[in-house]
Amino acid sequence: MVEALFRAYFTQGRDIGDLETLADVAAETGMDRADVLAFLTTDDRAEEVRQYEEAAHRAGITGVPAFVANRRAVLSGAHPPEAIAAALTNAVELAPAN
C-alpha cells in the first residue's frame, strides 16, 4: 500500500488526499474498496486507532520513521544509517536470551 501511495502521488500525480482516490489506490493493491471507504468515512474503528497511537506514545515513539525492538522504541524520527545500525545492534545485544 505504501508503494502504491507513493507511485500514485509522485509518479501519477494523483490526489491521495481525496477519499475516492485513496479507496481506488487501496483497491489496486487488493483491498476491498467499499471496506476502505467505510473505514475512511466513519468513526467505527476510531477507538482502535487511538489505542494504537497511545501504545506508540507509551513506547516512546514521537516521530516517523520509528524503529522498535523488544516493544520499546529504539529510535524515533529521522537518523543517519549509521545511527540506525548502531541503535539496532545495541537493542539486539541488550535483548534477553530466549
PDB file of N, CA and C in Angstrom:
ATOM      1  N   MET A   1       0.822  -1.180   0.000  1.00  0.00           N
ATOM      2  CA  MET A   1       0.000   0.000   0.000  1.00  0.00           C
ATOM      3  C   MET A   1       0.867   1.245   0.000  1.00  0.00           C
ATOM      4  N   VAL A   2       1.931   1.227   0.793  1.00  0.00           N
ATOM      5  CA  VAL A   2       2.814   2.394   0.846  1.00  0.00           C
ATOM      6  C   VAL A   2       3.416   2.668  -0.527  1.00  0.00           C
ATOM      7  N   GLU A   3       3.906   1.624  -1.166  1.00  0.00           N
ATOM      8  CA  GLU A   3       4.475   1.801  -2.507  1.00  0.00           C
ATOM      9  C   GLU A   3       3.422   2.294  -3.486  1.00  0.00           C
ATOM     10  N   ALA A   4       2.210   1.771  -3.378  1.00  0.00           N
ATOM     11  CA  ALA A   4       1.135   2.199  -4.276  1.00  0.00           C
ATOM     12  C   ALA A   4       0.792   3.669  -4.040  1.00  0.00           C
ATOM     13  N   LEU A   5       0.791   4.101  -2.788  1.00  0.00           N
ATOM     14  CA  LEU A   5       0.530   5.514  -2.483  1.00  0.00           C
ATOM     15  C   LEU A   5       1.633   6.404  -3.042  1.00  0.00           C
ATOM     16  N   PHE A   6       2.881   5.993  -2.851  1.00  0.00           N
ATOM     17  CA  PHE A   6       3.996   6.776  -3.391  1.00  0.00           C
ATOM     18  C   PHE A   6       3.892   6.877  -4.914  1.00  0.00           C
ATOM     19  N   ARG A   7       3.628   5.742  -5.565  1.00  0.00           N
ATOM     20  CA  ARG A   7       3.525   5.729  -7.025  1.00  0.00           C
ATOM     21  C   ARG A   7       2.367   6.619  -7.484  1.00  0.00           C
ATOM     22  N   ALA A   8       1.218   6.487  -6.810  1.00  0.00           N
ATOM     23  CA  ALA A   8       0.048   7.282  -7.195  1.00  0.00           C
ATOM     24  C   ALA A   8       0.338   8.775  -7.060  1.00  0.00           C
ATOM     25  N   TYR A   9       0.987   9.163  -5.978  1.00  0.00           N
ATOM     26  CA  TYR A   9       1.227  10.586  -5.732  1.00  0.00           C
ATOM     27  C   TYR A   9       2.398  11.130  -6.544  1.00  0.00           C
ATOM     28  N   PHE A  10       3.546  10.485  -6.428  1.00  0.00           N
ATOM     29  CA  PHE A  10       4.763  11.036  -7.026  1.00  0.00           C
ATOM     30  C   PHE A  10       4.902  10.745  -8.519  1.00  0.00           C
ATOM     31  N   THR A  11       4.428   9.598  -8.961  1.00  0.00           N
ATOM     32  CA  THR A  11       4.590   9.234 -10.362  1.00  0.00           C
ATOM     33  C   THR A  11       3.371   9.594 -11.204  1.00  0.00           C
ATOM     34  N   GLN A  12       2.201   9.329 -10.650  1.00  0.00           N
ATOM     35  CA  GLN A  12       0.971   9.531 -11.416  1.00  0.00           C
ATOM     36  C   GLN A  12       0.295  10.869 -11.129  1.00  0.00           C
ATOM     37  N   GLY A  13       0.746  11.569 -10.100  1.00  0.00           N
ATOM     38  CA  GLY A  13       0.183  12.871  -9.768  1.00  0.00           C
ATOM     39  C   GLY A  13      -1.243  12.829  -9.256  1.00  0.00           C
ATOM     40  N   ARG A  14      -1.635  11.718  -8.671  1.00  0.00           N
ATOM     41  CA  ARG A  14      -2.995  11.582  -8.163  1.00  0.00           C
ATOM     42  C   ARG A  14      -3.124  12.238  -6.786  1.00  0.00           C
ATOM     43  N   ASP A  15      -4.324  12.691  -6.468  1.00  0.00           N
ATOM     44  CA  ASP A  15      -4.600  13.360  -5.195  1.00  0.00           C
ATOM     45  C   ASP A  15      -4.971  12.310  -4.149  1.00  0.00           C
ATOM     46  N   ILE A  16      -3.982  11.832  -3.409  1.00  0.00           N
ATOM     47  CA  ILE A  16      -4.246  10.792  -2.423  1.00  0.00           C
ATOM     48  C   ILE A  16      -4.911  11.342  -1.160  1.00  0.00           C
ATOM     49  N   GLY A  17      -5.148  12.638  -1.103  1.00  0.00           N
ATOM     50  CA  GLY A  17      -5.930  13.227  -0.032  1.00  0.00           C
ATOM     51  C   GLY A  17      -7.420  13.123  -0.295  1.00  0.00           C
ATOM     52  N   ASP A  18      -7.789  12.789  -1.521  1.00  0.00           N
ATOM     53  CA  ASP A  18      -9.182  12.600  -1.895  1.00  0.00           C
ATOM     54  C   ASP A  18      -9.584  11.170  -1.529  1.00  0.00           C
ATOM     55  N   LEU A  19     -10.668  11.018  -0.763  1.00  0.00           N
ATOM     56  CA  LEU A  19     -11.063   9.701  -0.277  1.00  0.00           C
ATOM     57  C   LEU A  19     -11.370   8.714  -1.390  1.00  0.00           C
ATOM     58  N   GLU A  20     -11.996   9.181  -2.455  1.00  0.00           N
ATOM     59  CA  GLU A  20     -12.298   8.275  -3.579  1.00  0.00           C
ATOM     60  C   GLU A  20     -11.005   7.773  -4.228  1.00  0.00           C
ATOM     61  N   THR A  21     -10.059   8.681  -4.419  1.00  0.00           N
ATOM     62  CA  THR A  21      -8.768   8.290  -4.993  1.00  0.00           C
ATOM     63  C   THR A  21      -8.038   7.335  -4.065  1.00  0.00           C
ATOM     64  N   LEU A  22      -8.063   7.632  -2.776  1.00  0.00           N
ATOM     65  CA  LEU A  22      -7.406   6.763  -1.798  1.00  0.00           C
ATOM     66  C   LEU A  22      -8.018   5.366  -1.823  1.00  0.00           C
ATOM     67  N   ALA A  23      -9.332   5.295  -1.911  1.00  0.00           N
ATOM     68  CA  ALA A  23     -10.004   3.997  -1.993  1.00  0.00           C
ATOM     69  C   ALA A  23      -9.641   3.276  -3.285  1.00  0.00           C
ATOM     70  N   ASP A  24      -9.509   4.017  -4.382  1.00  0.00           N
ATOM     71  CA  ASP A  24      -9.099   3.413  -5.657  1.00  0.00           C
ATOM     72  C   ASP A  24      -7.708   2.804  -5.543  1.00  0.00           C
ATOM     73  N   VAL A  25      -6.788   3.554  -4.952  1.00  0.00           N
ATOM     74  CA  VAL A  25      -5.419   3.061  -4.797  1.00  0.00           C
ATOM     75  C   VAL A  25      -5.419   1.813  -3.918  1.00  0.00           C
ATOM     76  N   ALA A  26      -6.183   1.833  -2.845  1.00  0.00           N
ATOM     77  CA  ALA A  26      -6.270   0.660  -1.966  1.00  0.00           C
ATOM     78  C   ALA A  26      -6.810  -0.540  -2.731  1.00  0.00           C
ATOM     79  N   ALA A  27      -7.821  -0.317  -3.550  1.00  0.00           N
ATOM     80  CA  ALA A  27      -8.393  -1.411  -4.340  1.00  0.00           C
ATOM     81  C   ALA A  27      -7.369  -1.977  -5.314  1.00  0.00           C
ATOM     82  N   GLU A  28      -6.516  -1.124  -5.840  1.00  0.00           N
ATOM     83  CA  GLU A  28      -5.472  -1.579  -6.768  1.00  0.00           C
ATOM     84  C   GLU A  28      -4.467  -2.496  -6.079  1.00  0.00           C
ATOM     85  N   THR A  29      -4.373  -2.431  -4.766  1.00  0.00           N
ATOM     86  CA  THR A  29      -3.460  -3.301  -4.027  1.00  0.00           C
ATOM     87  C   THR A  29      -4.150  -4.567  -3.536  1.00  0.00           C
ATOM     88  N   GLY A  30      -5.459  -4.698  -3.838  1.00  0.00           N
ATOM     89  CA  GLY A  30      -6.185  -5.890  -3.443  1.00  0.00           C
ATOM     90  C   GLY A  30      -7.120  -5.701  -2.254  1.00  0.00           C
ATOM     91  N   MET A  31      -7.144  -4.509  -1.694  1.00  0.00           N
ATOM     92  CA  MET A  31      -8.057  -4.249  -0.593  1.00  0.00           C
ATOM     93  C   MET A  31      -9.462  -4.043  -1.132  1.00  0.00           C
ATOM     94  N   ASP A  32     -10.460  -4.303  -0.297  1.00  0.00           N
ATOM     95  CA  ASP A  32     -11.839  -4.100  -0.706  1.00  0.00           C
ATOM     96  C   ASP A  32     -12.163  -2.610  -0.677  1.00  0.00           C
ATOM     97  N   ARG A  33     -12.505  -2.047  -1.826  1.00  0.00           N
ATOM     98  CA  ARG A  33     -12.723  -0.606  -1.945  1.00  0.00           C
ATOM     99  C   ARG A  33     -13.823  -0.121  -1.018  1.00  0.00           C
ATOM    100  N   ALA A  34     -14.930  -0.867  -0.938  1.00  0.00           N
ATOM    101  CA  ALA A  34     -16.051  -0.461  -0.078  1.00  0.00           C
ATOM    102  C   ALA A  34     -15.643  -0.463   1.392  1.00  0.00           C
ATOM    103  N   ASP A  35     -14.868  -1.465   1.798  1.00  0.00           N
ATOM    104  CA  ASP A  35     -14.393  -1.519   3.180  1.00  0.00           C
ATOM    105  C   ASP A  35     -13.488  -0.332   3.498  1.00  0.00           C
ATOM    106  N   VAL A  36     -12.627   0.012   2.550  1.00  0.00           N
ATOM    107  CA  VAL A  36     -11.720   1.144   2.745  1.00  0.00           C
ATOM    108  C   VAL A  36     -12.518   2.439   2.877  1.00  0.00           C
ATOM    109  N   LEU A  37     -13.478   2.649   2.004  1.00  0.00           N
ATOM    110  CA  LEU A  37     -14.307   3.854   2.092  1.00  0.00           C
ATOM    111  C   LEU A  37     -15.083   3.904   3.403  1.00  0.00           C
ATOM    112  N   ALA A  38     -15.598   2.768   3.849  1.00  0.00           N
ATOM    113  CA  ALA A  38     -16.319   2.727   5.123  1.00  0.00           C
ATOM    114  C   ALA A  38     -15.387   3.101   6.270  1.00  0.00           C
ATOM    115  N   PHE A  39     -14.166   2.588   6.234  1.00  0.00           N
ATOM    116  CA  PHE A  39     -13.192   2.906   7.274  1.00  0.00           C
ATOM    117  C   PHE A  39     -12.869   4.393   7.279  1.00  0.00           C
ATOM    118  N   LEU A  40     -12.702   4.957   6.100  1.00  0.00           N
ATOM    119  CA  LEU A  40     -12.310   6.366   5.988  1.00  0.00           C
ATOM    120  C   LEU A  40     -13.439   7.345   6.276  1.00  0.00           C
ATOM    121  N   THR A  41     -14.670   6.923   6.140  1.00  0.00           N
ATOM    122  CA  THR A  41     -15.787   7.856   6.272  1.00  0.00           C
ATOM    123  C   THR A  41     -16.616   7.661   7.536  1.00  0.00           C
ATOM    124  N   THR A  42     -16.225   6.718   8.378  1.00  0.00           N
ATOM    125  CA  THR A  42     -16.942   6.518   9.638  1.00  0.00           C
ATOM    126  C   THR A  42     -15.951   6.537  10.791  1.00  0.00           C
ATOM    127  N   ASP A  43     -16.477   6.595  11.994  1.00  0.00           N
ATOM    128  CA  ASP A  43     -15.645   6.546  13.203  1.00  0.00           C
ATOM    129  C   ASP A  43     -15.676   5.163  13.845  1.00  0.00           C
ATOM    130  N   ASP A  44     -16.118   4.169  13.093  1.00  0.00           N
ATOM    131  CA  ASP A  44     -16.307   2.830  13.648  1.00  0.00           C
ATOM    132  C   ASP A  44     -15.057   2.268  14.322  1.00  0.00           C
ATOM    133  N   ARG A  45     -13.895   2.568  13.802  1.00  0.00           N
ATOM    134  CA  ARG A  45     -12.660   1.999  14.354  1.00  0.00           C
ATOM    135  C   ARG A  45     -11.753   3.061  14.949  1.00  0.00           C
ATOM    136  N   ALA A  46     -12.310   4.238  15.224  1.00  0.00           N
ATOM    137  CA  ALA A  46     -11.514   5.343  15.758  1.00  0.00           C
ATOM    138  C   ALA A  46     -10.891   4.990  17.098  1.00  0.00           C
ATOM    139  N   GLU A  47     -11.622   4.318  17.956  1.00  0.00           N
ATOM    140  CA  GLU A  47     -11.078   3.959  19.275  1.00  0.00           C
ATOM    141  C   GLU A  47      -9.894   3.009  19.138  1.00  0.00           C
ATOM    142  N   GLU A  48      -9.977   2.087  18.209  1.00  0.00           N
ATOM    143  CA  GLU A  48      -8.870   1.161  17.960  1.00  0.00           C
ATOM    144  C   GLU A  48      -7.627   1.923  17.505  1.00  0.00           C
ATOM    145  N   VAL A  49      -7.809   2.890  16.620  1.00  0.00           N
ATOM    146  CA  VAL A  49      -6.691   3.709  16.142  1.00  0.00           C
ATOM    147  C   VAL A  49      -6.092   4.501  17.307  1.00  0.00           C
ATOM    148  N   ARG A  50      -6.961   5.076  18.154  1.00  0.00           N
ATOM    149  CA  ARG A  50      -6.467   5.823  19.323  1.00  0.00           C
ATOM    150  C   ARG A  50      -5.648   4.932  20.253  1.00  0.00           C
ATOM    151  N   GLN A  51      -6.064   3.691  20.411  1.00  0.00           N
ATOM    152  CA  GLN A  51      -5.319   2.762  21.260  1.00  0.00           C
ATOM    153  C   GLN A  51      -3.930   2.486  20.684  1.00  0.00           C
ATOM    154  N   TYR A  52      -3.844   2.331  19.363  1.00  0.00           N
ATOM    155  CA  TYR A  52      -2.537   2.146  18.729  1.00  0.00           C
ATOM    156  C   TYR A  52      -1.654   3.387  18.926  1.00  0.00           C
ATOM    157  N   GLU A  53      -2.255   4.564  18.784  1.00  0.00           N
ATOM    158  CA  GLU A  53      -1.499   5.805  18.984  1.00  0.00           C
ATOM    159  C   GLU A  53      -0.980   5.904  20.413  1.00  0.00           C
ATOM    160  N   GLU A  54      -1.816   5.581  21.388  1.00  0.00           N
ATOM    161  CA  GLU A  54      -1.413   5.640  22.793  1.00  0.00           C
ATOM    162  C   GLU A  54      -0.303   4.635  23.082  1.00  0.00           C
ATOM    163  N   ALA A  55      -0.410   3.445  22.524  1.00  0.00           N
ATOM    164  CA  ALA A  55       0.626   2.433  22.722  1.00  0.00           C
ATOM    165  C   ALA A  55       1.953   2.897  22.133  1.00  0.00           C
ATOM    166  N   ALA A  56       1.909   3.515  20.966  1.00  0.00           N
ATOM    167  CA  ALA A  56       3.132   4.034  20.349  1.00  0.00           C
ATOM    168  C   ALA A  56       3.739   5.131  21.211  1.00  0.00           C
ATOM    169  N   HIS A  57       2.905   6.006  21.728  1.00  0.00           N
ATOM    170  CA  HIS A  57       3.399   7.086  22.592  1.00  0.00           C
ATOM    171  C   HIS A  57       4.041   6.509  23.856  1.00  0.00           C
ATOM    172  N   ARG A  58       3.389   5.517  24.467  1.00  0.00           N
ATOM    173  CA  ARG A  58       3.954   4.886  25.674  1.00  0.00           C
ATOM    174  C   ARG A  58       5.284   4.202  25.377  1.00  0.00           C
ATOM    175  N   ALA A  59       5.437   3.707  24.149  1.00  0.00           N
ATOM    176  CA  ALA A  59       6.682   3.034  23.763  1.00  0.00           C
ATOM    177  C   ALA A  59       7.791   4.030  23.455  1.00  0.00           C
ATOM    178  N   GLY A  60       7.468   5.323  23.472  1.00  0.00           N
ATOM    179  CA  GLY A  60       8.487   6.336  23.221  1.00  0.00           C
ATOM    180  C   GLY A  60       8.556   6.813  21.786  1.00  0.00           C
ATOM    181  N   ILE A  61       7.599   6.431  20.976  1.00  0.00           N
ATOM    182  CA  ILE A  61       7.599   6.853  19.580  1.00  0.00           C
ATOM    183  C   ILE A  61       7.001   8.248  19.492  1.00  0.00           C
ATOM    184  N   THR A  62       7.797   9.161  18.955  1.00  0.00           N
ATOM    185  CA  THR A  62       7.350  10.547  18.830  1.00  0.00           C
ATOM    186  C   THR A  62       7.442  11.056  17.401  1.00  0.00           C
ATOM    187  N   GLY A  63       7.929  10.248  16.492  1.00  0.00           N
ATOM    188  CA  GLY A  63       8.071  10.666  15.105  1.00  0.00           C
ATOM    189  C   GLY A  63       8.200   9.469  14.196  1.00  0.00           C
ATOM    190  N   VAL A  64       8.306   9.757  12.918  1.00  0.00           N
ATOM    191  CA  VAL A  64       8.498   8.700  11.936  1.00  0.00           C
ATOM    192  C   VAL A  64       9.732   9.004  11.113  1.00  0.00           C
ATOM    193  N   PRO A  65      10.444   8.019  10.671  1.00  0.00           N
ATOM    194  CA  PRO A  65      10.185   6.607  10.945  1.00  0.00           C
ATOM    195  C   PRO A  65      10.511   6.270  12.398  1.00  0.00           C
ATOM    196  N   ALA A  66      10.015   5.147  12.853  1.00  0.00           N
ATOM    197  CA  ALA A  66      10.302   4.677  14.206  1.00  0.00           C
ATOM    198  C   ALA A  66      10.794   3.236  14.109  1.00  0.00           C
ATOM    199  N   PHE A  67      11.794   2.939  14.893  1.00  0.00           N
ATOM    200  CA  PHE A  67      12.356   1.591  14.940  1.00  0.00           C
ATOM    201  C   PHE A  67      12.116   1.045  16.336  1.00  0.00           C
ATOM    202  N   VAL A  68      11.500  -0.123  16.405  1.00  0.00           N
ATOM    203  CA  VAL A  68      11.109  -0.711  17.679  1.00  0.00           C
ATOM    204  C   VAL A  68      11.743  -2.084  17.805  1.00  0.00           C
ATOM    205  N   ALA A  69      12.301  -2.357  18.974  1.00  0.00           N
ATOM    206  CA  ALA A  69      12.842  -3.676  19.286  1.00  0.00           C
ATOM    207  C   ALA A  69      12.407  -4.022  20.703  1.00  0.00           C
ATOM    208  N   ASN A  70      11.982  -5.240  20.908  1.00  0.00           N
ATOM    209  CA  ASN A  70      11.529  -5.688  22.224  1.00  0.00           C
ATOM    210  C   ASN A  70      10.429  -4.787  22.777  1.00  0.00           C
ATOM    211  N   ARG A  71       9.551  -4.323  21.882  1.00  0.00           N
ATOM    212  CA  ARG A  71       8.401  -3.485  22.241  1.00  0.00           C
ATOM    213  C   ARG A  71       8.788  -2.132  22.835  1.00  0.00           C
ATOM    214  N   ARG A  72      10.006  -1.703  22.570  1.00  0.00           N
ATOM    215  CA  ARG A  72      10.461  -0.389  23.017  1.00  0.00           C
ATOM    216  C   ARG A  72      11.038   0.355  21.820  1.00  0.00           C
ATOM    217  N   ALA A  73      10.815   1.660  21.803  1.00  0.00           N
ATOM    218  CA  ALA A  73      11.366   2.462  20.717  1.00  0.00           C
ATOM    219  C   ALA A  73      12.882   2.471  20.817  1.00  0.00           C
ATOM    220  N   VAL A  74      13.516   2.155  19.727  1.00  0.00           N
ATOM    221  CA  VAL A  74      14.969   2.216  19.653  1.00  0.00           C
ATOM    222  C   VAL A  74      15.369   3.584  19.118  1.00  0.00           C
ATOM    223  N   LEU A  75      14.667   4.031  18.100  1.00  0.00           N
ATOM    224  CA  LEU A  75      14.875   5.359  17.510  1.00  0.00           C
ATOM    225  C   LEU A  75      13.536   5.879  17.018  1.00  0.00           C
ATOM    226  N   SER A  76      13.359   7.157  17.161  1.00  0.00           N
ATOM    227  CA  SER A  76      12.152   7.783  16.656  1.00  0.00           C
ATOM    228  C   SER A  76      12.557   9.031  15.899  1.00  0.00           C
ATOM    229  N   GLY A  77      12.102   9.143  14.662  1.00  0.00           N
ATOM    230  CA  GLY A  77      12.480  10.267  13.835  1.00  0.00           C
ATOM    231  C   GLY A  77      13.605   9.888  12.887  1.00  0.00           C
ATOM    232  N   ALA A  78      13.967  10.817  12.031  1.00  0.00           N
ATOM    233  CA  ALA A  78      14.992  10.565  11.019  1.00  0.00           C
ATOM    234  C   ALA A  78      16.385  10.577  11.634  1.00  0.00           C
ATOM    235  N   HIS A  79      17.187   9.603  11.247  1.00  0.00           N
ATOM    236  CA  HIS A  79      18.571   9.494  11.710  1.00  0.00           C
ATOM    237  C   HIS A  79      19.420   8.966  10.560  1.00  0.00           C
ATOM    238  N   PRO A  80      20.718   9.231  10.584  1.00  0.00           N
ATOM    239  CA  PRO A  80      21.586   8.671   9.542  1.00  0.00           C
ATOM    240  C   PRO A  80      21.660   7.150   9.667  1.00  0.00           C
ATOM    241  N   PRO A  81      21.954   6.458   8.579  1.00  0.00           N
ATOM    242  CA  PRO A  81      22.006   4.990   8.600  1.00  0.00           C
ATOM    243  C   PRO A  81      22.926   4.429   9.682  1.00  0.00           C
ATOM    244  N   GLU A  82      24.037   5.112   9.938  1.00  0.00           N
ATOM    245  CA  GLU A  82      24.971   4.615  10.951  1.00  0.00           C
ATOM    246  C   GLU A  82      24.332   4.609  12.341  1.00  0.00           C
ATOM    247  N   ALA A  83      23.547   5.630  12.639  1.00  0.00           N
ATOM    248  CA  ALA A  83      22.878   5.705  13.945  1.00  0.00           C
ATOM    249  C   ALA A  83      21.817   4.617  14.064  1.00  0.00           C
ATOM    250  N   ILE A  84      21.108   4.355  12.980  1.00  0.00           N
ATOM    251  CA  ILE A  84      20.097   3.307  12.991  1.00  0.00           C
ATOM    252  C   ILE A  84      20.753   1.949  13.221  1.00  0.00           C
ATOM    253  N   ALA A  85      21.815   1.678  12.493  1.00  0.00           N
ATOM    254  CA  ALA A  85      22.521   0.405  12.646  1.00  0.00           C
ATOM    255  C   ALA A  85      23.050   0.241  14.068  1.00  0.00           C
ATOM    256  N   ALA A  86      23.627   1.280  14.630  1.00  0.00           N
ATOM    257  CA  ALA A  86      24.165   1.206  15.996  1.00  0.00           C
ATOM    258  C   ALA A  86      23.050   0.969  17.006  1.00  0.00           C
ATOM    259  N   ALA A  87      21.942   1.661  16.854  1.00  0.00           N
ATOM    260  CA  ALA A  87      20.829   1.503  17.797  1.00  0.00           C
ATOM    261  C   ALA A  87      20.239   0.100  17.726  1.00  0.00           C
ATOM    262  N   LEU A  88      20.070  -0.421  16.522  1.00  0.00           N
ATOM    263  CA  LEU A  88      19.530  -1.769  16.381  1.00  0.00           C
ATOM    264  C   LEU A  88      20.510  -2.822  16.900  1.00  0.00           C
ATOM    265  N   THR A  89      21.782  -2.635  16.653  1.00  0.00           N
ATOM    266  CA  THR A  89      22.789  -3.551  17.184  1.00  0.00           C
ATOM    267  C   THR A  89      22.761  -3.540  18.703  1.00  0.00           C
ATOM    268  N   ASN A  90      22.675  -2.355  19.289  1.00  0.00           N
ATOM    269  CA  ASN A  90      22.601  -2.225  20.741  1.00  0.00           C
ATOM    270  C   ASN A  90      21.346  -2.918  21.286  1.00  0.00           C
ATOM    271  N   ALA A  91      20.236  -2.756  20.606  1.00  0.00           N
ATOM    272  CA  ALA A  91      18.983  -3.378  21.060  1.00  0.00           C
ATOM    273  C   ALA A  91      19.089  -4.897  21.035  1.00  0.00           C
ATOM    274  N   VAL A  92      19.739  -5.439  20.003  1.00  0.00           N
ATOM    275  CA  VAL A  92      19.924  -6.881  19.904  1.00  0.00           C
ATOM    276  C   VAL A  92      20.831  -7.369  21.031  1.00  0.00           C
ATOM    277  N   GLU A  93      21.878  -6.630  21.300  1.00  0.00           N
ATOM    278  CA  GLU A  93      22.798  -7.024  22.370  1.00  0.00           C
ATOM    279  C   GLU A  93      22.138  -6.988  23.742  1.00  0.00           C
ATOM    280  N   LEU A  94      21.194  -6.066  23.949  1.00  0.00           N
ATOM    281  CA  LEU A  94      20.513  -5.934  25.233  1.00  0.00           C
ATOM    282  C   LEU A  94      19.288  -6.834  25.374  1.00  0.00           C
ATOM    283  N   ALA A  95      18.895  -7.468  24.277  1.00  0.00           N
ATOM    284  CA  ALA A  95      17.703  -8.317  24.299  1.00  0.00           C
ATOM    285  C   ALA A  95      17.934  -9.530  25.177  1.00  0.00           C
ATOM    286  N   PRO A  96      16.924  -9.902  25.963  1.00  0.00           N
ATOM    287  CA  PRO A  96      17.070 -11.097  26.788  1.00  0.00           C
ATOM    288  C   PRO A  96      17.190 -12.348  25.915  1.00  0.00           C
ATOM    289  N   ALA A  97      17.974 -13.279  26.363  1.00  0.00           N
ATOM    290  CA  ALA A  97      18.143 -14.538  25.606  1.00  0.00           C
ATOM    291  C   ALA A  97      16.889 -15.385  25.763  1.00  0.00           C
ATOM    292  N   ASN A  98      16.525 -16.066  24.697  1.00  0.00           N
ATOM    293  CA  ASN A  98      15.341 -16.935  24.754  1.00  0.00           C
ATOM    294  C   ASN A  98      15.720 -18.314  25.163  1.00  0.00           C
TER     295      ASN A  98
END
